[in-house]
Amino acid sequence: MNRDILAVIQENMNTFSKGQKRIANYILESYDKAAFMTASRLGKRVNVSESTVVRFAAELGYDGYPSMQKSLQKMIRNRLTSVQRIEVANDRIGDQNVLDMVLQSDIEKIRLTLEDIDRDSFDKATDAIVAARRIYIIGVRSSAAIATFLGFYFNLLFDNVAMITANTPSEVFESLLRVGEGDVVVGISFPRYSSRAVQAMNFARDRGATTIAITDSDASPLAVSSKYTLKARSDMASFVDSLVAPLSLVNALLVEVSRKKNEDLSKTFQTLEQIWEEYGVYQKAQDDQV
């Protein structure tokens, strides 16, 4: 089901039983909390049985309560304010150890990303990058960290990379003024999605560039305007976006691109190593200086 679950609930309110209306009203009023409750816990909160909650999910067209819960979680990630995120995180963590929960969650996101990745899109995206006339990279707000990481290594591999770091919409379009057929634009954005990244991808697509989205789902506004979508699971840890799985995906992208440029790569890094050694770019470890 791709429609907003809250809209579906409101439209069908008159058809629900008395118990189902209790569930519906609670979700409409406290969707940020309901999204992370088990069926049993949600039932206890509104004084109905767990089976009533499961039937409610089926009434909405889901194949089970976990599917409805997943739909709720996806919906709220782009709606929650920072304050709501903190409240949800505190409720989810409860008495658990924060370090254990956050790291285990990140491990799970990498596992799910590996299961869900479209390998054909990944392969075609890397081919397009290697063959590109010019490569543009855009990622703003929290996604800027991933964009900068990708841009740093792409600049070592290619001489045709442009980082879009403009602060206003007009500067974004000006940076993409000459984008066109033969170019590749890599857009990176995760909830809450950046309007500037979405606008840049739409602009590039309309001018014939190959667009590659690194985002969390096919429902992402970035995916709509992209030829290739590389999905990585992300999750919120309080007000902080967890970008561990997206960064791991970018690592894989860099390794695959470098393998496809293998001959040129060796020459490039031979030159770089000479420059780094000559100008003392890297500090040697103490053991190396003895």
Protein backbone atom coordinates (compact mmCIF):
# COMPACT_ATOMS: atom_id res chain seq x y z
CA MET A 1 0.00 0.00 0.00
CA ASN A 2 1.61 3.27 -1.15
CA ARG A 3 -1.04 5.73 0.09
CA ASP A 4 -0.65 7.71 3.30
CA ILE A 5 -1.92 5.37 6.02
CA LEU A 6 -3.43 8.25 8.00
CA ALA A 7 -5.54 9.30 5.01
CA VAL A 8 -6.73 5.71 4.55
CA ILE A 9 -7.72 5.49 8.21
CA GLN A 10 -9.67 8.75 8.05
CA GLU A 11 -11.48 7.73 4.87
CA ASN A 12 -12.60 4.40 6.37
CA MET A 13 -13.42 5.56 9.89
CA ASN A 14 -17.18 5.02 9.44
CA THR A 15 -16.67 1.36 8.51
CA PHE A 16 -14.69 0.40 11.62
CA SER A 17 -16.05 -1.45 14.63
CA LYS A 18 -16.04 0.21 18.05
CA GLY A 19 -12.71 -1.39 18.98
CA GLN A 20 -11.16 -0.57 15.61
CA LYS A 21 -12.18 3.07 16.01
CA ARG A 22 -10.24 3.20 19.26
CA ILE A 23 -7.15 1.97 17.43
CA ALA A 24 -7.74 4.38 14.56
CA ASN A 25 -8.15 7.40 16.81
CA TYR A 26 -5.02 6.56 18.78
CA ILE A 27 -2.95 6.20 15.60
CA LEU A 28 -4.29 9.48 14.21
CA GLU A 29 -3.50 11.32 17.44
CA SER A 30 -0.21 9.58 18.36
CA TYR A 31 1.17 8.04 15.16
CA ASP A 32 4.74 8.79 16.26
CA LYS A 33 4.31 6.46 19.26
CA ALA A 34 2.01 3.88 17.62
CA ALA A 35 4.54 3.22 14.84
CA PHE A 36 6.93 1.56 17.28
CA MET A 37 4.45 -0.39 19.39
CA THR A 38 3.87 -4.13 19.11
CA ALA A 39 0.32 -5.25 18.34
CA SER A 40 -0.03 -6.39 21.94
CA ARG A 41 1.17 -3.10 23.38
CA LEU A 42 -1.05 -1.04 21.07
CA GLY A 43 -4.04 -3.18 22.05
CA LYS A 44 -3.39 -2.67 25.75
CA ARG A 45 -3.01 1.08 25.23
CA VAL A 46 -6.53 1.39 23.76
CA ASN A 47 -8.13 -1.49 25.72
CA VAL A 48 -8.71 -3.94 22.86
CA SER A 49 -7.30 -7.41 22.20
CA GLU A 50 -4.17 -8.08 20.18
CA SER A 51 -6.31 -9.96 17.64
CA THR A 52 -8.43 -6.82 17.14
CA VAL A 53 -5.28 -4.88 16.27
CA VAL A 54 -4.25 -7.57 13.78
CA ARG A 55 -7.72 -7.53 12.18
CA PHE A 56 -7.53 -3.74 11.99
CA ALA A 57 -4.33 -4.00 9.92
CA ALA A 58 -6.05 -6.48 7.60
CA GLU A 59 -9.05 -4.14 7.30
CA LEU A 60 -6.69 -1.46 5.96
CA GLY A 61 -5.38 -3.86 3.31
CA TYR A 62 -2.15 -5.00 4.94
CA ASP A 63 -1.10 -8.65 5.03
CA GLY A 64 -0.36 -8.40 8.73
CA TYR A 65 0.39 -6.03 11.59
CA PRO A 66 4.16 -5.85 10.81
CA SER A 67 3.34 -4.51 7.32
CA MET A 68 1.10 -1.81 8.76
CA GLN A 69 3.75 -0.93 11.34
CA LYS A 70 6.42 -0.64 8.64
CA SER A 71 4.13 1.64 6.63
CA LEU A 72 3.62 3.86 9.66
CA GLN A 73 7.34 4.05 10.35
CA LYS A 74 8.12 5.03 6.76
CA MET A 75 5.43 7.67 6.78
CA ILE A 76 6.49 9.35 9.99
CA ARG A 77 10.21 9.56 9.27
CA ASN A 78 9.70 12.53 6.99
CA ARG A 79 7.06 14.09 9.26
CA LEU A 80 8.62 14.07 12.70
CA THR A 81 10.20 17.21 14.07
CA SER A 82 13.50 16.95 15.93
CA VAL A 83 11.65 17.19 19.25
CA GLN A 84 9.30 14.33 18.26
CA ARG A 85 12.30 12.25 17.18
CA ILE A 86 13.87 12.62 20.60
CA GLU A 87 10.62 11.58 22.29
CA VAL A 88 10.23 8.53 20.04
CA ALA A 89 13.86 7.49 20.56
CA ASN A 90 13.57 7.79 24.33
CA ASP A 91 10.40 5.69 24.25
CA ARG A 92 12.05 3.01 22.07
CA ILE A 93 15.24 2.82 24.12
CA GLY A 94 13.56 2.71 27.51
CA ASP A 95 15.87 0.89 29.94
CA GLN A 96 18.07 -0.62 27.23
CA ASN A 97 21.76 0.20 26.91
CA VAL A 98 22.05 3.02 24.37
CA LEU A 99 25.40 1.89 22.96
CA ASP A 100 24.21 -1.68 22.42
CA MET A 101 20.88 -0.64 20.87
CA VAL A 102 22.29 1.94 18.46
CA LEU A 103 25.14 -0.25 17.21
CA GLN A 104 22.90 -3.32 16.86
CA SER A 105 20.41 -1.19 14.93
CA ASP A 106 23.16 -0.02 12.57
CA ILE A 107 24.28 -3.62 12.00
CA GLU A 108 20.70 -4.59 11.16
CA LYS A 109 20.39 -1.70 8.67
CA ILE A 110 23.50 -2.88 6.81
CA ARG A 111 22.11 -6.43 6.66
CA LEU A 112 18.76 -5.23 5.29
CA THR A 113 20.51 -2.99 2.76
CA LEU A 114 22.50 -5.95 1.47
CA GLU A 115 19.31 -7.99 1.10
CA ASP A 116 17.35 -5.26 -0.69
CA ILE A 117 19.93 -3.64 -2.97
CA ASP A 118 19.12 -3.76 -6.68
CA ARG A 119 22.37 -5.21 -7.99
CA ASP A 120 21.52 -4.51 -11.63
CA SER A 121 20.98 -0.82 -10.85
CA PHE A 122 24.21 -0.77 -8.84
CA ASP A 123 26.16 -2.21 -11.79
CA LYS A 124 24.59 0.14 -14.35
CA ALA A 125 25.10 3.13 -12.08
CA THR A 126 28.83 2.42 -11.75
CA ASP A 127 29.11 1.97 -15.54
CA ALA A 128 27.43 5.34 -16.06
CA ILE A 129 29.78 7.02 -13.58
CA VAL A 130 32.90 5.63 -15.23
CA ALA A 131 31.67 6.71 -18.68
CA ALA A 132 30.39 10.14 -17.62
CA ARG A 133 31.50 13.35 -19.33
CA ARG A 134 31.14 15.13 -16.00
CA ILE A 135 30.06 13.93 -12.54
CA TYR A 136 28.02 16.15 -10.23
CA ILE A 137 27.42 15.26 -6.56
CA ILE A 138 24.81 16.86 -4.34
CA GLY A 139 23.99 16.11 -0.71
CA VAL A 140 22.96 18.74 1.79
CA ARG A 141 22.33 18.91 5.53
CA SER A 142 23.18 15.56 7.18
CA SER A 143 23.72 13.95 3.76
CA ALA A 144 26.50 16.44 3.06
CA ALA A 145 28.88 14.23 5.05
CA ILE A 146 28.32 11.31 2.66
CA ALA A 147 28.49 13.57 -0.39
CA THR A 148 31.81 15.02 0.79
CA PHE A 149 33.22 11.54 1.42
CA LEU A 150 32.15 10.39 -2.06
CA GLY A 151 33.46 13.59 -3.65
CA PHE A 152 36.85 13.30 -1.94
CA TYR A 153 37.53 9.87 -3.43
CA PHE A 154 35.93 10.62 -6.79
CA ASN A 155 38.31 13.57 -7.13
CA LEU A 156 41.19 11.11 -6.75
CA LEU A 157 39.71 8.86 -9.44
CA PHE A 158 38.43 11.43 -11.94
CA ASP A 159 39.28 14.91 -13.18
CA ASN A 160 35.66 15.80 -14.00
CA VAL A 161 33.93 15.94 -10.61
CA ALA A 162 31.85 18.87 -9.38
CA MET A 163 30.52 19.13 -5.83
CA ILE A 164 27.27 21.07 -5.55
CA THR A 165 27.59 22.91 -2.24
CA ALA A 166 25.41 25.92 -2.97
CA ASN A 167 23.39 27.37 -0.10
CA THR A 168 20.40 28.69 -2.03
CA PRO A 169 18.16 27.18 -4.75
CA SER A 170 19.39 29.71 -7.32
CA GLU A 171 23.03 28.77 -6.64
CA VAL A 172 22.16 25.08 -7.07
CA PHE A 173 20.73 25.72 -10.54
CA GLU A 174 23.67 27.97 -11.45
CA SER A 175 26.09 25.17 -10.46
CA LEU A 176 24.17 22.84 -12.79
CA LEU A 177 23.87 25.38 -15.59
CA ARG A 178 25.78 23.30 -18.14
CA VAL A 179 24.56 19.87 -17.10
CA GLY A 180 23.23 17.74 -19.93
CA GLU A 181 23.38 14.51 -21.85
CA GLY A 182 26.48 12.46 -21.05
CA ASP A 183 26.71 13.84 -17.51
CA VAL A 184 25.89 11.98 -14.30
CA VAL A 185 24.32 13.60 -11.25
CA VAL A 186 24.50 11.70 -7.96
CA GLY A 187 21.93 12.93 -5.45
CA ILE A 188 22.05 11.85 -1.80
CA SER A 189 19.16 12.43 0.59
CA PHE A 190 17.46 10.65 3.47
CA PRO A 191 14.50 11.62 5.66
CA ARG A 192 13.83 14.39 6.21
CA TYR A 193 14.43 14.83 2.48
CA SER A 194 16.13 18.00 1.27
CA SER A 195 14.05 20.04 -1.16
CA ARG A 196 17.25 21.41 -2.72
CA ALA A 197 18.51 17.92 -3.57
CA VAL A 198 15.14 16.99 -5.08
CA GLN A 199 15.04 20.19 -7.16
CA ALA A 200 18.58 19.61 -8.40
CA MET A 201 17.78 16.07 -9.52
CA ASN A 202 14.62 17.18 -11.32
CA PHE A 203 16.59 19.93 -13.06
CA ALA A 204 19.32 17.50 -14.16
CA ARG A 205 16.85 14.87 -15.37
CA ASP A 206 14.96 17.43 -17.45
CA ARG A 207 18.22 18.35 -19.19
CA GLY A 208 19.07 14.80 -20.16
CA ALA A 209 21.65 13.90 -17.51
CA THR A 210 21.78 10.41 -16.01
CA THR A 211 20.51 10.73 -12.45
CA ILE A 212 21.54 8.37 -9.64
CA ALA A 213 19.80 8.56 -6.27
CA ILE A 214 21.31 7.28 -3.06
CA THR A 215 18.32 7.23 -0.74
CA ASP A 216 16.25 5.00 1.52
CA SER A 217 13.29 3.78 -0.57
CA ASP A 218 11.43 3.89 -3.87
CA ALA A 219 8.96 6.24 -2.18
CA SER A 220 11.71 8.84 -1.70
CA PRO A 221 11.11 12.00 -3.79
CA LEU A 222 14.70 11.62 -5.00
CA ALA A 223 13.93 8.20 -6.50
CA VAL A 224 11.11 9.60 -8.63
CA SER A 225 13.49 11.70 -10.73
CA SER A 226 16.32 9.15 -10.92
CA LYS A 227 17.26 6.66 -13.60
CA TYR A 228 19.02 4.46 -11.05
CA THR A 229 18.07 4.26 -7.38
CA LEU A 230 20.54 2.78 -4.89
CA LYS A 231 18.66 2.14 -1.65
CA ALA A 232 20.25 1.99 1.78
CA ARG A 233 18.35 1.61 5.01
CA SER A 234 18.63 4.47 7.44
CA ASP A 235 17.01 4.98 10.78
CA MET A 236 16.83 7.71 13.32
CA ALA A 237 18.69 7.50 16.58
CA SER A 238 17.06 10.35 18.48
CA PHE A 239 17.48 13.59 16.48
CA VAL A 240 20.53 12.09 14.72
CA ASP A 241 20.19 10.40 11.33
CA SER A 242 21.91 7.03 11.20
CA LEU A 243 23.85 6.98 7.95
CA VAL A 244 25.97 3.88 8.58
CA ALA A 245 24.32 1.75 5.87
CA PRO A 246 24.35 4.58 3.28
CA LEU A 247 28.06 5.13 3.93
CA SER A 248 28.69 1.40 3.53
CA LEU A 249 26.84 1.50 0.19
CA VAL A 250 29.00 4.44 -0.92
CA ASN A 251 32.10 2.43 0.06
CA ALA A 252 30.94 -0.38 -2.21
CA LEU A 253 30.25 2.12 -5.00
CA LEU A 254 33.77 3.53 -4.73
CA VAL A 255 35.38 0.08 -4.76
CA GLU A 256 33.38 -1.02 -7.81
CA VAL A 257 34.12 2.20 -9.73
CA SER A 258 37.82 1.91 -8.90
CA ARG A 259 37.87 -1.70 -10.19
CA LYS A 260 36.36 -0.57 -13.47
CA LYS A 261 39.09 2.09 -13.76
CA ASN A 262 41.83 -0.31 -12.68
CA GLU A 263 44.51 0.62 -15.25
CA ASP A 264 44.18 4.38 -14.79
CA LEU A 265 43.91 3.99 -11.03
CA SER A 266 47.39 2.51 -10.52
CA LYS A 267 49.04 5.39 -12.41
CA THR A 268 47.03 7.97 -10.50
CA PHE A 269 47.99 6.64 -7.08
CA GLN A 270 51.65 6.18 -8.03
CA THR A 271 51.72 9.90 -8.77
CA LEU A 272 49.79 10.74 -5.61
CA GLU A 273 52.10 8.66 -3.41
CA GLN A 274 55.12 10.55 -4.77
CA ILE A 275 53.41 13.89 -4.06
CA TRP A 276 52.31 12.84 -0.57
CA GLU A 277 55.83 11.64 0.26
CA GLU A 278 57.55 14.71 -1.15
CA TYR A 279 55.37 17.22 0.67
CA GLY A 280 54.89 15.25 3.89
CA VAL A 281 51.13 15.06 3.56
CA TYR A 282 50.82 12.20 6.03
CA GLN A 283 52.39 11.98 9.48
CA LYS A 284 54.21 8.70 9.93
CA ALA A 285 53.44 6.52 12.93
CA GLN A 286 56.06 6.55 15.69
CA ASP A 287 57.12 2.97 14.94
CA ASP A 288 57.95 4.00 11.36
CA GLN A 289 60.17 6.85 12.58
CA VAL A 290 62.39 4.72 14.82
